[in-house]
Amino acid sequence: MDSQLGSYENKIVAYIRDTTIKGNIDNITRTKLYQQFFFRNPEIEWAFLASMVSRNAGWNMTDLRGVWFPKMINQSLRDQIFFTYERANWLIFLDAFPQLLLYEICKRERTNHFYLLQYFRVSLFMQNEWQRFWEQKDRKRLLTALIVNEQNVIQKPVIEHWYYKRKVFHSLPFLFQDWMHYSCVLFPTVDGELYGFSVHDFSDLNERIELGKKLAWLLFHHHYFSQFKKFAQWTEHTGSRYDYEQYYLTKKQKGTPLLREVYPIVEHERHVFHDWYRKNKSVERWFSTIKPPKKYHITKWFQKKQKHLHACIYLKSEIFDRLLTSRTPPV
């Protein structure tokens, strides 16, 4: 209870905190809650973007326990990469979901309660942006603002954290995937098609924000949005890549497990909070309009990349490793 708030305000704060904690369990719960929120509040487009990107996070997590990656990456590094994904997504949900819930209350009651955002350690940047949205109803501005905010939220505690930087982002497998554009954010359809973009320079804040803006442009493109929405409505998120591979015209064997089959619930703590935003910080550059991308229908390109990656893994595990182990030790 906060003595500066009235009883009803304290009830709002307690409800939002409790609901966020209960929802921030794992990748499955986060993905579903983002999606459910969007279907209730389609004007908050970021929620759908968050759900679709969260699906990708789940697929990346189970890749680490699938058929191929254990042949290339040792158990310790795979666990560290998983925890990096998990930590970043936990922090984003912890920051973003209270904002969404508070908006829903404001919308239902037709009352501005956004002054309560400070009680959830939401940046001053987003406090200002929600006030702007309440007055101007500029949904595209809010969408971009949430992309900017969440990438800044994870920048210092995850991307620039000495542990993740040394153990994960500077590791050879991570650098190899980044350099070769093997990692992608995908928006599938139930017709077996894949749309999206490769991920490059993941550690760079500006690159991630630009990627987020491109993904938003694609997700809500008037030619494709209904197809992506149909996939989301028809497809239960399990964390396995088979969620979209099941729709391929050429049937594919399941190569990654269900997320909850292989990963336990991870307990997190938010040790230190520093608002990334300063009043004099230049942020307007991040609101610039992107140039419409030309290459985003990537079904054949992605499948070719997957085959290439699997071939590289096979060469390493079946040929080079065997050669090394078969050598006679010197006398």
C-alpha atoms as a PDB file:
ATOM      1  CA  MET A   1       0.000   0.000   0.000  1.00  0.00           C
ATOM      2  CA  ASP A   2       1.216   3.482  -0.873  1.00  0.00           C
ATOM      3  CA  SER A   3       0.085   6.172   1.540  1.00  0.00           C
ATOM      4  CA  GLN A   4       0.121   8.767  -1.244  1.00  0.00           C
ATOM      5  CA  LEU A   5      -2.557   6.889  -3.176  1.00  0.00           C
ATOM      6  CA  GLY A   6      -6.237   6.453  -2.448  1.00  0.00           C
ATOM      7  CA  SER A   7      -7.718   3.039  -1.729  1.00  0.00           C
ATOM      8  CA  TYR A   8      -8.981   2.532  -5.289  1.00  0.00           C
ATOM      9  CA  GLU A   9      -5.636   3.573  -6.778  1.00  0.00           C
ATOM     10  CA  ASN A  10      -3.871   1.094  -4.498  1.00  0.00           C
ATOM     11  CA  LYS A  11      -6.260  -1.598  -5.710  1.00  0.00           C
ATOM     12  CA  ILE A  12      -5.362  -0.812  -9.331  1.00  0.00           C
ATOM     13  CA  VAL A  13      -1.646  -0.976  -8.583  1.00  0.00           C
ATOM     14  CA  ALA A  14      -2.004  -4.245  -6.640  1.00  0.00           C
ATOM     15  CA  TYR A  15      -4.135  -5.830  -9.384  1.00  0.00           C
ATOM     16  CA  ILE A  16      -1.664  -4.907 -12.119  1.00  0.00           C
ATOM     17  CA  ARG A  17       1.355  -6.095 -10.150  1.00  0.00           C
ATOM     18  CA  ASP A  18      -0.292  -9.406  -9.287  1.00  0.00           C
ATOM     19  CA  THR A  19      -1.546 -10.017 -12.836  1.00  0.00           C
ATOM     20  CA  THR A  20       1.881  -9.215 -14.300  1.00  0.00           C
ATOM     21  CA  ILE A  21       3.686 -11.585 -11.922  1.00  0.00           C
ATOM     22  CA  LYS A  22       1.228 -14.405 -12.691  1.00  0.00           C
ATOM     23  CA  GLY A  23       1.591 -13.839 -16.431  1.00  0.00           C
ATOM     24  CA  ASN A  24       5.370 -13.497 -16.516  1.00  0.00           C
ATOM     25  CA  ILE A  25       5.987 -17.220 -16.044  1.00  0.00           C
ATOM     26  CA  ASP A  26       7.544 -18.303 -19.310  1.00  0.00           C
ATOM     27  CA  ASN A  27       7.546 -17.684 -23.033  1.00  0.00           C
ATOM     28  CA  ILE A  28       4.223 -19.477 -23.490  1.00  0.00           C
ATOM     29  CA  THR A  29       2.261 -17.359 -20.998  1.00  0.00           C
ATOM     30  CA  ARG A  30       3.753 -14.083 -22.247  1.00  0.00           C
ATOM     31  CA  THR A  31       2.984 -14.857 -25.877  1.00  0.00           C
ATOM     32  CA  LYS A  32      -0.616 -15.781 -25.150  1.00  0.00           C
ATOM     33  CA  LEU A  33      -1.270 -12.756 -22.938  1.00  0.00           C
ATOM     34  CA  TYR A  34       0.131 -10.311 -25.492  1.00  0.00           C
ATOM     35  CA  GLN A  35      -2.078 -11.850 -28.168  1.00  0.00           C
ATOM     36  CA  GLN A  36      -5.200 -11.938 -26.014  1.00  0.00           C
ATOM     37  CA  PHE A  37      -4.670  -8.297 -25.087  1.00  0.00           C
ATOM     38  CA  PHE A  38      -4.407  -7.285 -28.752  1.00  0.00           C
ATOM     39  CA  PHE A  39      -7.608  -9.084 -29.691  1.00  0.00           C
ATOM     40  CA  ARG A  40      -9.379  -7.153 -26.910  1.00  0.00           C
ATOM     41  CA  ASN A  41      -7.657  -3.867 -27.806  1.00  0.00           C
ATOM     42  CA  PRO A  42      -6.684  -3.898 -31.514  1.00  0.00           C
ATOM     43  CA  GLU A  43      -5.737  -0.221 -31.414  1.00  0.00           C
ATOM     44  CA  ILE A  44      -2.650  -1.158 -29.349  1.00  0.00           C
ATOM     45  CA  GLU A  45      -0.770  -2.710 -32.238  1.00  0.00           C
ATOM     46  CA  TRP A  46       2.450  -3.263 -30.307  1.00  0.00           C
ATOM     47  CA  ALA A  47       0.766  -6.074 -28.352  1.00  0.00           C
ATOM     48  CA  PHE A  48       0.327  -8.145 -31.516  1.00  0.00           C
ATOM     49  CA  LEU A  49       3.884  -7.389 -32.600  1.00  0.00           C
ATOM     50  CA  ALA A  50       5.087  -8.470 -29.149  1.00  0.00           C
ATOM     51  CA  SER A  51       3.162 -11.746 -29.371  1.00  0.00           C
ATOM     52  CA  MET A  52       4.553 -12.604 -32.813  1.00  0.00           C
ATOM     53  CA  VAL A  53       8.129 -11.734 -31.840  1.00  0.00           C
ATOM     54  CA  SER A  54       7.655 -13.712 -28.627  1.00  0.00           C
ATOM     55  CA  ARG A  55       6.702 -16.750 -30.730  1.00  0.00           C
ATOM     56  CA  ASN A  56      10.068 -16.366 -32.453  1.00  0.00           C
ATOM     57  CA  ALA A  57      11.824 -16.215 -29.092  1.00  0.00           C
ATOM     58  CA  GLY A  58      10.197 -19.523 -28.183  1.00  0.00           C
ATOM     59  CA  TRP A  59      11.339 -21.132 -31.440  1.00  0.00           C
ATOM     60  CA  ASN A  60      14.877 -19.907 -30.841  1.00  0.00           C
ATOM     61  CA  MET A  61      14.805 -21.357 -27.334  1.00  0.00           C
ATOM     62  CA  THR A  62      13.713 -24.828 -28.437  1.00  0.00           C
ATOM     63  CA  ASP A  63      16.215 -24.812 -31.316  1.00  0.00           C
ATOM     64  CA  LEU A  64      18.817 -25.105 -28.567  1.00  0.00           C
ATOM     65  CA  ARG A  65      17.298 -28.456 -27.532  1.00  0.00           C
ATOM     66  CA  GLY A  66      16.381 -29.642 -31.011  1.00  0.00           C
ATOM     67  CA  VAL A  67      18.027 -32.018 -33.463  1.00  0.00           C
ATOM     68  CA  TRP A  68      20.727 -29.699 -34.792  1.00  0.00           C
ATOM     69  CA  PHE A  69      22.072 -27.148 -32.341  1.00  0.00           C
ATOM     70  CA  PRO A  70      23.285 -29.645 -29.706  1.00  0.00           C
ATOM     71  CA  LYS A  71      25.632 -30.986 -32.403  1.00  0.00           C
ATOM     72  CA  MET A  72      27.279 -27.564 -32.728  1.00  0.00           C
ATOM     73  CA  ILE A  73      26.980 -25.838 -29.332  1.00  0.00           C
ATOM     74  CA  ASN A  74      27.909 -27.351 -25.972  1.00  0.00           C
ATOM     75  CA  GLN A  75      25.355 -27.665 -23.178  1.00  0.00           C
ATOM     76  CA  SER A  76      26.772 -24.840 -21.073  1.00  0.00           C
ATOM     77  CA  LEU A  77      26.616 -22.263 -23.866  1.00  0.00           C
ATOM     78  CA  ARG A  78      23.159 -23.418 -24.957  1.00  0.00           C
ATOM     79  CA  ASP A  79      21.893 -22.910 -21.404  1.00  0.00           C
ATOM     80  CA  GLN A  80      23.464 -19.442 -21.307  1.00  0.00           C
ATOM     81  CA  ILE A  81      21.849 -18.477 -24.624  1.00  0.00           C
ATOM     82  CA  PHE A  82      18.469 -19.729 -23.407  1.00  0.00           C
ATOM     83  CA  PHE A  83      18.757 -17.705 -20.215  1.00  0.00           C
ATOM     84  CA  THR A  84      19.679 -14.610 -22.248  1.00  0.00           C
ATOM     85  CA  TYR A  85      16.485 -14.931 -24.315  1.00  0.00           C
ATOM     86  CA  GLU A  86      14.476 -15.673 -21.186  1.00  0.00           C
ATOM     87  CA  ARG A  87      15.928 -12.767 -19.206  1.00  0.00           C
ATOM     88  CA  ALA A  88      15.334 -10.225 -21.977  1.00  0.00           C
ATOM     89  CA  ASN A  89      11.757 -11.344 -22.550  1.00  0.00           C
ATOM     90  CA  TRP A  90      11.016 -11.425 -18.826  1.00  0.00           C
ATOM     91  CA  LEU A  91      12.264  -7.836 -18.452  1.00  0.00           C
ATOM     92  CA  ILE A  92      10.220  -6.617 -21.429  1.00  0.00           C
ATOM     93  CA  PHE A  93       7.027  -8.203 -20.117  1.00  0.00           C
ATOM     94  CA  LEU A  94       7.680  -6.861 -16.611  1.00  0.00           C
ATOM     95  CA  ASP A  95       7.945  -3.375 -18.076  1.00  0.00           C
ATOM     96  CA  ALA A  96       5.304  -3.493 -20.828  1.00  0.00           C
ATOM     97  CA  PHE A  97       2.408  -5.526 -19.467  1.00  0.00           C
ATOM     98  CA  PRO A  98       1.596  -3.102 -16.620  1.00  0.00           C
ATOM     99  CA  GLN A  99       1.380  -0.377 -19.261  1.00  0.00           C
ATOM    100  CA  LEU A 100      -1.085  -2.433 -21.274  1.00  0.00           C
ATOM    101  CA  LEU A 101      -3.216  -3.336 -18.266  1.00  0.00           C
ATOM    102  CA  LEU A 102      -3.337   0.252 -17.045  1.00  0.00           C
ATOM    103  CA  TYR A 103      -4.396   1.435 -20.505  1.00  0.00           C
ATOM    104  CA  GLU A 104      -7.196  -1.127 -20.525  1.00  0.00           C
ATOM    105  CA  ILE A 105      -8.459   0.194 -17.170  1.00  0.00           C
ATOM    106  CA  CYS A 106      -8.256   3.788 -18.418  1.00  0.00           C
ATOM    107  CA  LYS A 107     -10.136   2.824 -21.566  1.00  0.00           C
ATOM    108  CA  ARG A 108     -12.857   0.983 -19.669  1.00  0.00           C
ATOM    109  CA  GLU A 109     -13.358   3.773 -17.135  1.00  0.00           C
ATOM    110  CA  ARG A 110     -12.727   6.605 -19.604  1.00  0.00           C
ATOM    111  CA  THR A 111     -10.397   8.087 -17.017  1.00  0.00           C
ATOM    112  CA  ASN A 112      -6.719   9.014 -17.259  1.00  0.00           C
ATOM    113  CA  HIS A 113      -4.777   6.999 -14.681  1.00  0.00           C
ATOM    114  CA  PHE A 114      -1.412   7.155 -16.455  1.00  0.00           C
ATOM    115  CA  TYR A 115       0.183   8.980 -13.536  1.00  0.00           C
ATOM    116  CA  LEU A 116       0.226   5.519 -11.912  1.00  0.00           C
ATOM    117  CA  LEU A 117       2.852   4.276 -14.393  1.00  0.00           C
ATOM    118  CA  GLN A 118       5.571   5.557 -12.089  1.00  0.00           C
ATOM    119  CA  TYR A 119       4.605   2.877  -9.556  1.00  0.00           C
ATOM    120  CA  PHE A 120       5.624   0.184 -12.059  1.00  0.00           C
ATOM    121  CA  ARG A 121       9.054   1.714 -12.791  1.00  0.00           C
ATOM    122  CA  VAL A 122       7.977   2.659 -16.304  1.00  0.00           C
ATOM    123  CA  SER A 123      10.293   5.136 -18.000  1.00  0.00           C
ATOM    124  CA  LEU A 124       9.405   8.809 -18.057  1.00  0.00           C
ATOM    125  CA  PHE A 125       9.567   8.464 -21.829  1.00  0.00           C
ATOM    126  CA  MET A 126       6.601   6.071 -21.875  1.00  0.00           C
ATOM    127  CA  GLN A 127       4.707   8.031 -19.232  1.00  0.00           C
ATOM    128  CA  ASN A 128       4.834  10.985 -21.640  1.00  0.00           C
ATOM    129  CA  GLU A 129       3.960   8.839 -24.665  1.00  0.00           C
ATOM    130  CA  TRP A 130       0.875   7.321 -23.027  1.00  0.00           C
ATOM    131  CA  GLN A 131      -0.328  10.797 -22.099  1.00  0.00           C
ATOM    132  CA  ARG A 132       0.186  11.856 -25.712  1.00  0.00           C
ATOM    133  CA  PHE A 133      -1.693   8.810 -26.990  1.00  0.00           C
ATOM    134  CA  TRP A 134      -4.611   9.444 -24.614  1.00  0.00           C
ATOM    135  CA  GLU A 135      -4.972  12.939 -26.041  1.00  0.00           C
ATOM    136  CA  GLN A 136      -4.071  12.402 -29.712  1.00  0.00           C
ATOM    137  CA  LYS A 137      -4.916   8.719 -30.381  1.00  0.00           C
ATOM    138  CA  ASP A 138      -1.891   8.350 -32.681  1.00  0.00           C
ATOM    139  CA  ARG A 139      -1.563   4.561 -32.666  1.00  0.00           C
ATOM    140  CA  LYS A 140       1.466   4.490 -34.996  1.00  0.00           C
ATOM    141  CA  ARG A 141       3.365   6.879 -32.741  1.00  0.00           C
ATOM    142  CA  LEU A 142       2.572   4.685 -29.721  1.00  0.00           C
ATOM    143  CA  LEU A 143       3.626   1.550 -31.605  1.00  0.00           C
ATOM    144  CA  THR A 144       7.025   3.043 -32.384  1.00  0.00           C
ATOM    145  CA  ALA A 145       7.387   4.457 -28.864  1.00  0.00           C
ATOM    146  CA  LEU A 146       6.876   1.006 -27.336  1.00  0.00           C
ATOM    147  CA  ILE A 147       9.436  -0.506 -29.735  1.00  0.00           C
ATOM    148  CA  VAL A 148      11.950   2.191 -28.748  1.00  0.00           C
ATOM    149  CA  ASN A 149      11.265   1.797 -25.051  1.00  0.00           C
ATOM    150  CA  GLU A 150      11.500  -1.976 -24.806  1.00  0.00           C
ATOM    151  CA  GLN A 151      14.763  -2.156 -26.724  1.00  0.00           C
ATOM    152  CA  ASN A 152      16.208   0.449 -24.376  1.00  0.00           C
ATOM    153  CA  VAL A 153      14.845  -1.474 -21.380  1.00  0.00           C
ATOM    154  CA  ILE A 154      17.018  -4.512 -22.198  1.00  0.00           C
ATOM    155  CA  GLN A 155      20.068  -2.643 -23.479  1.00  0.00           C
ATOM    156  CA  LYS A 156      22.033  -2.197 -20.254  1.00  0.00           C
ATOM    157  CA  PRO A 157      20.777  -5.081 -18.073  1.00  0.00           C
ATOM    158  CA  VAL A 158      21.115  -7.695 -20.849  1.00  0.00           C
ATOM    159  CA  ILE A 159      22.865  -6.559 -24.025  1.00  0.00           C
ATOM    160  CA  GLU A 160      25.610  -4.540 -22.295  1.00  0.00           C
ATOM    161  CA  HIS A 161      25.813  -6.676 -19.151  1.00  0.00           C
ATOM    162  CA  TRP A 162      29.353  -8.021 -18.804  1.00  0.00           C
ATOM    163  CA  TYR A 163      28.208 -11.621 -18.301  1.00  0.00           C
ATOM    164  CA  TYR A 164      25.944 -11.877 -21.366  1.00  0.00           C
ATOM    165  CA  LYS A 165      28.381  -9.870 -23.471  1.00  0.00           C
ATOM    166  CA  ARG A 166      31.312 -12.166 -22.677  1.00  0.00           C
ATOM    167  CA  LYS A 167      29.522 -15.514 -22.479  1.00  0.00           C
ATOM    168  CA  VAL A 168      26.927 -15.121 -25.242  1.00  0.00           C
ATOM    169  CA  PHE A 169      27.250 -12.140 -27.580  1.00  0.00           C
ATOM    170  CA  HIS A 170      30.998 -12.614 -28.051  1.00  0.00           C
ATOM    171  CA  SER A 171      30.769 -16.397 -28.377  1.00  0.00           C
ATOM    172  CA  LEU A 172      31.775 -17.898 -31.719  1.00  0.00           C
ATOM    173  CA  PRO A 173      28.417 -19.612 -32.490  1.00  0.00           C
ATOM    174  CA  PHE A 174      26.484 -16.397 -31.805  1.00  0.00           C
ATOM    175  CA  LEU A 175      28.840 -14.275 -33.904  1.00  0.00           C
ATOM    176  CA  PHE A 176      28.714 -16.876 -36.695  1.00  0.00           C
ATOM    177  CA  GLN A 177      24.902 -16.845 -36.831  1.00  0.00           C
ATOM    178  CA  ASP A 178      24.834 -13.051 -36.707  1.00  0.00           C
ATOM    179  CA  TRP A 179      27.435 -12.682 -39.439  1.00  0.00           C
ATOM    180  CA  MET A 180      25.812 -15.257 -41.760  1.00  0.00           C
ATOM    181  CA  HIS A 181      22.253 -13.943 -41.187  1.00  0.00           C
ATOM    182  CA  TYR A 182      21.057 -17.366 -40.005  1.00  0.00           C
ATOM    183  CA  SER A 183      18.818 -15.859 -37.332  1.00  0.00           C
ATOM    184  CA  CYS A 184      15.487 -14.480 -38.535  1.00  0.00           C
ATOM    185  CA  VAL A 185      12.233 -13.113 -37.149  1.00  0.00           C
ATOM    186  CA  LEU A 186       9.460 -14.899 -39.011  1.00  0.00           C
ATOM    187  CA  PHE A 187       5.776 -14.187 -39.546  1.00  0.00           C
ATOM    188  CA  PRO A 188       4.274 -17.445 -40.896  1.00  0.00           C
ATOM    189  CA  THR A 189       0.947 -18.087 -42.608  1.00  0.00           C
ATOM    190  CA  VAL A 190      -1.295 -21.158 -42.591  1.00  0.00           C
ATOM    191  CA  ASP A 191      -0.505 -21.517 -46.301  1.00  0.00           C
ATOM    192  CA  GLY A 192       3.076 -22.447 -45.410  1.00  0.00           C
ATOM    193  CA  GLU A 193       4.612 -19.126 -46.424  1.00  0.00           C
ATOM    194  CA  LEU A 194       7.186 -17.235 -44.379  1.00  0.00           C
ATOM    195  CA  TYR A 195       7.672 -13.475 -44.183  1.00  0.00           C
ATOM    196  CA  GLY A 196      10.184 -11.557 -42.130  1.00  0.00           C
ATOM    197  CA  PHE A 197      13.733 -10.282 -41.862  1.00  0.00           C
ATOM    198  CA  SER A 198      17.117 -11.605 -40.848  1.00  0.00           C
ATOM    199  CA  VAL A 199      18.615 -10.379 -37.581  1.00  0.00           C
ATOM    200  CA  HIS A 200      21.979  -8.667 -37.850  1.00  0.00           C
ATOM    201  CA  ASP A 201      24.046  -6.668 -35.332  1.00  0.00           C
ATOM    202  CA  PHE A 202      21.738  -7.783 -32.531  1.00  0.00           C
ATOM    203  CA  SER A 203      23.840  -6.016 -29.902  1.00  0.00           C
ATOM    204  CA  ASP A 204      23.310  -2.629 -31.574  1.00  0.00           C
ATOM    205  CA  LEU A 205      20.377  -0.713 -30.073  1.00  0.00           C
ATOM    206  CA  ASN A 206      19.676   1.300 -33.220  1.00  0.00           C
ATOM    207  CA  GLU A 207      19.687  -1.821 -35.404  1.00  0.00           C
ATOM    208  CA  ARG A 208      17.159  -3.563 -33.135  1.00  0.00           C
ATOM    209  CA  ILE A 209      14.872  -0.517 -33.138  1.00  0.00           C
ATOM    210  CA  GLU A 210      15.028  -0.321 -36.941  1.00  0.00           C
ATOM    211  CA  LEU A 211      14.300  -4.052 -37.140  1.00  0.00           C
ATOM    212  CA  GLY A 212      11.308  -3.566 -34.836  1.00  0.00           C
ATOM    213  CA  LYS A 213       9.974  -0.791 -37.062  1.00  0.00           C
ATOM    214  CA  LYS A 214      10.382  -2.958 -40.179  1.00  0.00           C
ATOM    215  CA  LEU A 215       8.614  -5.845 -38.465  1.00  0.00           C
ATOM    216  CA  ALA A 216       5.746  -3.544 -37.460  1.00  0.00           C
ATOM    217  CA  TRP A 217       5.499  -2.252 -41.035  1.00  0.00           C
ATOM    218  CA  LEU A 218       5.256  -5.822 -42.329  1.00  0.00           C
ATOM    219  CA  LEU A 219       2.933  -7.193 -39.666  1.00  0.00           C
ATOM    220  CA  PHE A 220       0.292  -4.513 -40.262  1.00  0.00           C
ATOM    221  CA  HIS A 221       0.734  -4.317 -44.019  1.00  0.00           C
ATOM    222  CA  HIS A 222      -2.743  -4.257 -45.562  1.00  0.00           C
ATOM    223  CA  HIS A 223      -1.877  -7.157 -47.899  1.00  0.00           C
ATOM    224  CA  TYR A 224      -0.613  -9.500 -45.180  1.00  0.00           C
ATOM    225  CA  PHE A 225      -2.083  -8.594 -41.800  1.00  0.00           C
ATOM    226  CA  SER A 226      -5.139 -10.853 -42.160  1.00  0.00           C
ATOM    227  CA  GLN A 227      -2.876 -13.806 -43.017  1.00  0.00           C
ATOM    228  CA  PHE A 228      -0.682 -13.280 -39.949  1.00  0.00           C
ATOM    229  CA  LYS A 229      -3.730 -12.823 -37.741  1.00  0.00           C
ATOM    230  CA  LYS A 230      -5.208 -16.047 -39.097  1.00  0.00           C
ATOM    231  CA  PHE A 231      -2.008 -17.918 -38.253  1.00  0.00           C
ATOM    232  CA  ALA A 232      -2.054 -16.517 -34.716  1.00  0.00           C
ATOM    233  CA  GLN A 233      -5.706 -17.468 -34.212  1.00  0.00           C
ATOM    234  CA  TRP A 234      -5.350 -20.952 -35.654  1.00  0.00           C
ATOM    235  CA  THR A 235      -2.000 -21.911 -34.150  1.00  0.00           C
ATOM    236  CA  GLU A 236      -1.443 -22.706 -30.488  1.00  0.00           C
ATOM    237  CA  HIS A 237       1.984 -21.479 -29.432  1.00  0.00           C
ATOM    238  CA  THR A 238       4.055 -24.400 -28.121  1.00  0.00           C
ATOM    239  CA  GLY A 239       7.556 -23.009 -28.669  1.00  0.00           C
ATOM    240  CA  SER A 240       8.378 -25.665 -31.277  1.00  0.00           C
ATOM    241  CA  ARG A 241       9.201 -24.622 -34.840  1.00  0.00           C
ATOM    242  CA  TYR A 242       6.686 -27.244 -35.877  1.00  0.00           C
ATOM    243  CA  ASP A 243       4.079 -24.588 -35.036  1.00  0.00           C
ATOM    244  CA  TYR A 244       4.675 -23.207 -38.541  1.00  0.00           C
ATOM    245  CA  GLU A 245       6.461 -26.120 -40.201  1.00  0.00           C
ATOM    246  CA  GLN A 246       3.216 -28.129 -39.972  1.00  0.00           C
ATOM    247  CA  TYR A 247       1.806 -25.881 -42.700  1.00  0.00           C
ATOM    248  CA  TYR A 248       4.617 -26.545 -45.203  1.00  0.00           C
ATOM    249  CA  LEU A 249       3.408 -28.067 -48.471  1.00  0.00           C
ATOM    250  CA  THR A 250       6.210 -30.632 -48.139  1.00  0.00           C
ATOM    251  CA  LYS A 251       5.685 -32.253 -44.760  1.00  0.00           C
ATOM    252  CA  LYS A 252       8.563 -31.893 -42.315  1.00  0.00           C
ATOM    253  CA  GLN A 253       9.558 -33.991 -39.329  1.00  0.00           C
ATOM    254  CA  LYS A 254       9.434 -32.218 -35.993  1.00  0.00           C
ATOM    255  CA  GLY A 255      12.982 -31.051 -35.284  1.00  0.00           C
ATOM    256  CA  THR A 256      12.423 -29.078 -32.089  1.00  0.00           C
ATOM    257  CA  PRO A 257      10.574 -30.090 -28.905  1.00  0.00           C
ATOM    258  CA  LEU A 258       7.750 -28.316 -27.097  1.00  0.00           C
ATOM    259  CA  LEU A 259       9.189 -25.586 -24.898  1.00  0.00           C
ATOM    260  CA  ARG A 260       7.657 -26.864 -21.664  1.00  0.00           C
ATOM    261  CA  GLU A 261       9.013 -30.347 -22.317  1.00  0.00           C
ATOM    262  CA  VAL A 262      12.603 -29.171 -22.049  1.00  0.00           C
ATOM    263  CA  TYR A 263      12.738 -25.981 -19.946  1.00  0.00           C
ATOM    264  CA  PRO A 264      11.808 -25.396 -16.311  1.00  0.00           C
ATOM    265  CA  ILE A 265      10.302 -22.191 -14.942  1.00  0.00           C
ATOM    266  CA  VAL A 266      13.088 -19.661 -14.322  1.00  0.00           C
ATOM    267  CA  GLU A 267      12.986 -17.436 -11.232  1.00  0.00           C
ATOM    268  CA  HIS A 268      14.071 -13.856 -11.955  1.00  0.00           C
ATOM    269  CA  GLU A 269      14.752 -10.752  -9.909  1.00  0.00           C
ATOM    270  CA  ARG A 270      15.084  -7.157 -11.036  1.00  0.00           C
ATOM    271  CA  HIS A 271      18.134  -6.153  -9.045  1.00  0.00           C
ATOM    272  CA  VAL A 272      18.537  -2.505 -10.026  1.00  0.00           C
ATOM    273  CA  PHE A 273      16.295  -0.108 -11.907  1.00  0.00           C
ATOM    274  CA  HIS A 274      17.620   2.883 -13.824  1.00  0.00           C
ATOM    275  CA  ASP A 275      15.346   4.832 -16.114  1.00  0.00           C
ATOM    276  CA  TRP A 276      17.086   4.762 -19.494  1.00  0.00           C
ATOM    277  CA  TYR A 277      15.407   8.013 -20.494  1.00  0.00           C
ATOM    278  CA  ARG A 278      16.716  11.433 -19.599  1.00  0.00           C
ATOM    279  CA  LYS A 279      14.802  14.625 -20.322  1.00  0.00           C
ATOM    280  CA  ASN A 280      17.551  15.876 -22.584  1.00  0.00           C
ATOM    281  CA  LYS A 281      17.984  12.566 -24.421  1.00  0.00           C
ATOM    282  CA  SER A 282      17.404  12.803 -28.173  1.00  0.00           C
ATOM    283  CA  VAL A 283      14.738  10.252 -29.113  1.00  0.00           C
ATOM    284  CA  GLU A 284      12.946  11.798 -32.084  1.00  0.00           C
ATOM    285  CA  ARG A 285      15.406  10.228 -34.526  1.00  0.00           C
ATOM    286  CA  TRP A 286      13.911   6.852 -33.629  1.00  0.00           C
ATOM    287  CA  PHE A 287      10.490   8.008 -34.828  1.00  0.00           C
ATOM    288  CA  SER A 288      11.680   8.574 -38.385  1.00  0.00           C
ATOM    289  CA  THR A 289       9.726   6.749 -41.086  1.00  0.00           C
ATOM    290  CA  ILE A 290      11.461   3.694 -42.502  1.00  0.00           C
ATOM    291  CA  LYS A 291      11.987   3.098 -46.191  1.00  0.00           C
ATOM    292  CA  PRO A 292       9.622   0.237 -47.164  1.00  0.00           C
ATOM    293  CA  PRO A 293      11.725  -2.935 -47.407  1.00  0.00           C
ATOM    294  CA  LYS A 294      11.760  -4.842 -50.690  1.00  0.00           C
ATOM    295  CA  LYS A 295      12.666  -8.344 -49.530  1.00  0.00           C
ATOM    296  CA  TYR A 296      10.380  -9.795 -46.875  1.00  0.00           C
ATOM    297  CA  HIS A 297       8.732 -12.837 -48.512  1.00  0.00           C
ATOM    298  CA  ILE A 298      11.499 -15.221 -47.528  1.00  0.00           C
ATOM    299  CA  THR A 299      10.086 -18.777 -47.640  1.00  0.00           C
ATOM    300  CA  LYS A 300      12.611 -20.203 -50.108  1.00  0.00           C
ATOM    301  CA  TRP A 301      15.481 -18.051 -48.813  1.00  0.00           C
ATOM    302  CA  PHE A 302      14.899 -19.142 -45.207  1.00  0.00           C
ATOM    303  CA  GLN A 303      14.565 -22.835 -46.049  1.00  0.00           C
ATOM    304  CA  LYS A 304      17.774 -22.645 -48.090  1.00  0.00           C
ATOM    305  CA  LYS A 305      19.529 -20.947 -45.166  1.00  0.00           C
ATOM    306  CA  GLN A 306      18.306 -23.690 -42.821  1.00  0.00           C
ATOM    307  CA  LYS A 307      19.692 -26.393 -45.109  1.00  0.00           C
ATOM    308  CA  HIS A 308      22.996 -24.548 -45.332  1.00  0.00           C
ATOM    309  CA  LEU A 309      23.204 -24.207 -41.547  1.00  0.00           C
ATOM    310  CA  HIS A 310      22.373 -27.883 -41.044  1.00  0.00           C
ATOM    311  CA  ALA A 311      25.059 -28.833 -43.556  1.00  0.00           C
ATOM    312  CA  CYS A 312      27.622 -26.765 -41.639  1.00  0.00           C
ATOM    313  CA  ILE A 313      26.584 -28.424 -38.381  1.00  0.00           C
ATOM    314  CA  TYR A 314      26.782 -31.872 -39.977  1.00  0.00           C
ATOM    315  CA  LEU A 315      30.279 -31.196 -41.282  1.00  0.00           C
ATOM    316  CA  LYS A 316      31.418 -30.095 -37.854  1.00  0.00           C
ATOM    317  CA  SER A 317      29.824 -32.871 -35.827  1.00  0.00           C
ATOM    318  CA  GLU A 318      30.107 -35.836 -38.186  1.00  0.00           C
ATOM    319  CA  ILE A 319      33.389 -35.156 -39.955  1.00  0.00           C
ATOM    320  CA  PHE A 320      35.680 -32.687 -38.161  1.00  0.00           C
ATOM    321  CA  ASP A 321      34.857 -33.922 -34.656  1.00  0.00           C
ATOM    322  CA  ARG A 322      35.356 -37.540 -35.726  1.00  0.00           C
ATOM    323  CA  LEU A 323      38.695 -36.711 -37.314  1.00  0.00           C
ATOM    324  CA  LEU A 324      39.829 -35.057 -34.112  1.00  0.00           C
ATOM    325  CA  THR A 325      38.740 -37.946 -31.884  1.00  0.00           C
ATOM    326  CA  SER A 326      40.168 -40.620 -34.200  1.00  0.00           C
ATOM    327  CA  ARG A 327      43.690 -39.250 -34.184  1.00  0.00           C
ATOM    328  CA  THR A 328      46.175 -41.455 -32.374  1.00  0.00           C
ATOM    329  CA  PRO A 329      47.568 -39.583 -29.372  1.00  0.00           C
ATOM    330  CA  PRO A 330      51.309 -38.944 -29.504  1.00  0.00           C
ATOM    331  CA  VAL A 331      53.525 -41.424 -27.632  1.00  0.00           C
END
